[in-house]
Amino acid sequence: MLSRSALATYSRLPLFGWLHASVGVIRQGPLVLVIDRNDGRGLSFPGGLAMPWETAEQAMKREVSEETGLRVKHSASLFEYRSSADVPVVLAVFAVEAEGELKDSWEGSPRWLPFTDIRPRLLPSQKEIVDRLL
């Protein structure tokens, strides 16, 4: 509930301007790792907002670890874009190779799903990722 209220407020009154976020696209054959979010907003790629002192890559590595329990072995920048579908955000997208054992977090549960099937349940701000990668 708090998450949805904060999003609604910030989307109308972006006090800090465009937020910066990063996500990792982790593939395993035809599957992609997504977070089945606990806030009822659907699916998202592992990632989140960057702290002011973090680079986009540092934020992605931290968020992937926090949300999945995996450690990023290798990452490569894919692209960056702006979206105001949820809140005004500049989203950096990385291709990621990771290792470790998956674990749930307070944000949700990691799930391997077919890449072609995730778009309908994906956060609106992240649908462009699927559109660009398919």
Foldseek 3Di string as FASTA:
>chain_A
DVVLVVLVVCLVPVPPAAFEKEFEWEDDVQWTKWFQFPVPQFIEGQITTDDPPDDRVRRHQVRCCQAWVKGWPDKDWDDWDFDSLRHTYIYTYIYTDTDDHTDHHNGGGMDIDGLVPRLVRYRPRCNVVSVVPD
